[in-house]
Amino acid sequence: VAGLKGELLKRKEEFVRHLVDRLMTYALGRPTDTADDEVIENIVREAAPTGYRMQDLVLAVILSDAFAGTKHP
């Protein structure tokens, strides 16, 4: 476990980028594509100063233009 934690901490931004991609996929109900890359990068960049808190990532996905443009039940 310590080794995994160490590796994730070394590649924190990459891990967060993948996490945001997965959150976007779930929120949008479709796989992300290249049109979503800028949104994902903005979310990752804006969440960095607060240490990539999960609540900030989820809120940013919800407030993103990509999510606002989808139909929700």
C-alpha atoms as a PDB file:
ATOM      1  CA  VAL A   1       0.000   0.000   0.000  1.00  0.00           C
ATOM      2  CA  ALA A   2       2.813   2.425   0.847  1.00  0.00           C
ATOM      3  CA  GLY A   3       4.375   1.828  -2.562  1.00  0.00           C
ATOM      4  CA  LEU A   4       1.103   2.548  -4.361  1.00  0.00           C
ATOM      5  CA  LYS A   5       0.575   5.710  -2.337  1.00  0.00           C
ATOM      6  CA  GLY A   6       4.094   6.844  -3.166  1.00  0.00           C
ATOM      7  CA  GLU A   7       3.600   6.265  -6.885  1.00  0.00           C
ATOM      8  CA  LEU A   8       0.263   8.090  -6.879  1.00  0.00           C
ATOM      9  CA  LEU A   9       1.788  11.044  -5.060  1.00  0.00           C
ATOM     10  CA  LYS A  10       4.600  11.223  -7.624  1.00  0.00           C
ATOM     11  CA  ARG A  11       2.012  11.396 -10.402  1.00  0.00           C
ATOM     12  CA  LYS A  12      -0.715  13.291  -8.570  1.00  0.00           C
ATOM     13  CA  GLU A  13      -1.746  15.585 -11.432  1.00  0.00           C
ATOM     14  CA  GLU A  14      -1.944  12.660 -13.860  1.00  0.00           C
ATOM     15  CA  PHE A  15      -4.066  10.706 -11.362  1.00  0.00           C
ATOM     16  CA  VAL A  16      -6.386  13.680 -10.816  1.00  0.00           C
ATOM     17  CA  ARG A  17      -6.725  14.241 -14.572  1.00  0.00           C
ATOM     18  CA  HIS A  18      -7.819  10.615 -15.006  1.00  0.00           C
ATOM     19  CA  LEU A  19     -10.205  10.906 -12.042  1.00  0.00           C
ATOM     20  CA  VAL A  20     -11.810  14.027 -13.523  1.00  0.00           C
ATOM     21  CA  ASP A  21     -12.130  12.238 -16.860  1.00  0.00           C
ATOM     22  CA  ARG A  22     -13.977   9.376 -15.141  1.00  0.00           C
ATOM     23  CA  LEU A  23     -16.207  11.832 -13.227  1.00  0.00           C
ATOM     24  CA  MET A  24     -17.032  13.615 -16.484  1.00  0.00           C
ATOM     25  CA  THR A  25     -17.842  10.313 -18.195  1.00  0.00           C
ATOM     26  CA  TYR A  26     -20.250   9.418 -15.401  1.00  0.00           C
ATOM     27  CA  ALA A  27     -21.804  12.889 -15.238  1.00  0.00           C
ATOM     28  CA  LEU A  28     -22.247  13.236 -18.994  1.00  0.00           C
ATOM     29  CA  GLY A  29     -23.463   9.698 -19.526  1.00  0.00           C
ATOM     30  CA  ARG A  30     -20.985   9.268 -22.375  1.00  0.00           C
ATOM     31  CA  PRO A  31     -17.255   8.837 -22.866  1.00  0.00           C
ATOM     32  CA  THR A  32     -15.266  12.039 -22.951  1.00  0.00           C
ATOM     33  CA  ASP A  33     -13.678  13.080 -26.224  1.00  0.00           C
ATOM     34  CA  THR A  34     -11.150  15.636 -27.402  1.00  0.00           C
ATOM     35  CA  ALA A  35     -13.765  18.396 -27.137  1.00  0.00           C
ATOM     36  CA  ASP A  36     -13.799  17.782 -23.364  1.00  0.00           C
ATOM     37  CA  ASP A  37     -10.011  17.944 -22.921  1.00  0.00           C
ATOM     38  CA  GLU A  38      -9.921  21.692 -22.280  1.00  0.00           C
ATOM     39  CA  VAL A  39     -12.666  21.445 -19.652  1.00  0.00           C
ATOM     40  CA  ILE A  40     -10.809  18.623 -17.900  1.00  0.00           C
ATOM     41  CA  GLU A  41      -7.517  20.539 -17.955  1.00  0.00           C
ATOM     42  CA  ASN A  42      -9.217  23.651 -16.541  1.00  0.00           C
ATOM     43  CA  ILE A  43     -10.769  21.662 -13.709  1.00  0.00           C
ATOM     44  CA  VAL A  44      -7.429  20.072 -12.819  1.00  0.00           C
ATOM     45  CA  ARG A  45      -5.605  23.411 -12.949  1.00  0.00           C
ATOM     46  CA  GLU A  46      -8.219  25.253 -10.873  1.00  0.00           C
ATOM     47  CA  ALA A  47      -8.320  22.512  -8.226  1.00  0.00           C
ATOM     48  CA  ALA A  48      -4.534  22.455  -7.717  1.00  0.00           C
ATOM     49  CA  PRO A  49      -4.326  25.352  -5.207  1.00  0.00           C
ATOM     50  CA  THR A  50      -6.711  23.587  -2.808  1.00  0.00           C
ATOM     51  CA  GLY A  51      -4.930  20.249  -3.111  1.00  0.00           C
ATOM     52  CA  TYR A  52      -7.386  18.624  -5.534  1.00  0.00           C
ATOM     53  CA  ARG A  53     -10.148  18.215  -2.948  1.00  0.00           C
ATOM     54  CA  MET A  54     -12.800  15.788  -4.155  1.00  0.00           C
ATOM     55  CA  GLN A  55     -15.605  18.234  -3.402  1.00  0.00           C
ATOM     56  CA  ASP A  56     -13.919  20.838  -5.616  1.00  0.00           C
ATOM     57  CA  LEU A  57     -13.533  18.347  -8.464  1.00  0.00           C
ATOM     58  CA  VAL A  58     -17.164  17.208  -8.314  1.00  0.00           C
ATOM     59  CA  LEU A  59     -18.470  20.777  -8.088  1.00  0.00           C
ATOM     60  CA  ALA A  60     -16.316  21.845 -11.034  1.00  0.00           C
ATOM     61  CA  VAL A  61     -17.678  18.988 -13.148  1.00  0.00           C
ATOM     62  CA  ILE A  62     -21.254  19.937 -12.253  1.00  0.00           C
ATOM     63  CA  LEU A  63     -20.649  23.611 -13.034  1.00  0.00           C
ATOM     64  CA  SER A  64     -18.837  22.885 -16.307  1.00  0.00           C
ATOM     65  CA  ASP A  65     -20.334  23.905 -19.638  1.00  0.00           C
ATOM     66  CA  ALA A  66     -20.098  20.275 -20.752  1.00  0.00           C
ATOM     67  CA  PHE A  67     -22.408  19.156 -17.933  1.00  0.00           C
ATOM     68  CA  ALA A  68     -24.759  22.114 -18.349  1.00  0.00           C
ATOM     69  CA  GLY A  69     -25.331  21.112 -21.975  1.00  0.00           C
ATOM     70  CA  THR A  70     -26.489  17.558 -21.176  1.00  0.00           C
ATOM     71  CA  LYS A  71     -30.039  16.423 -20.505  1.00  0.00           C
ATOM     72  CA  HIS A  72     -30.635  15.042 -17.023  1.00  0.00           C
ATOM     73  CA  PRO A  73     -33.642  12.971 -15.943  1.00  0.00           C
END
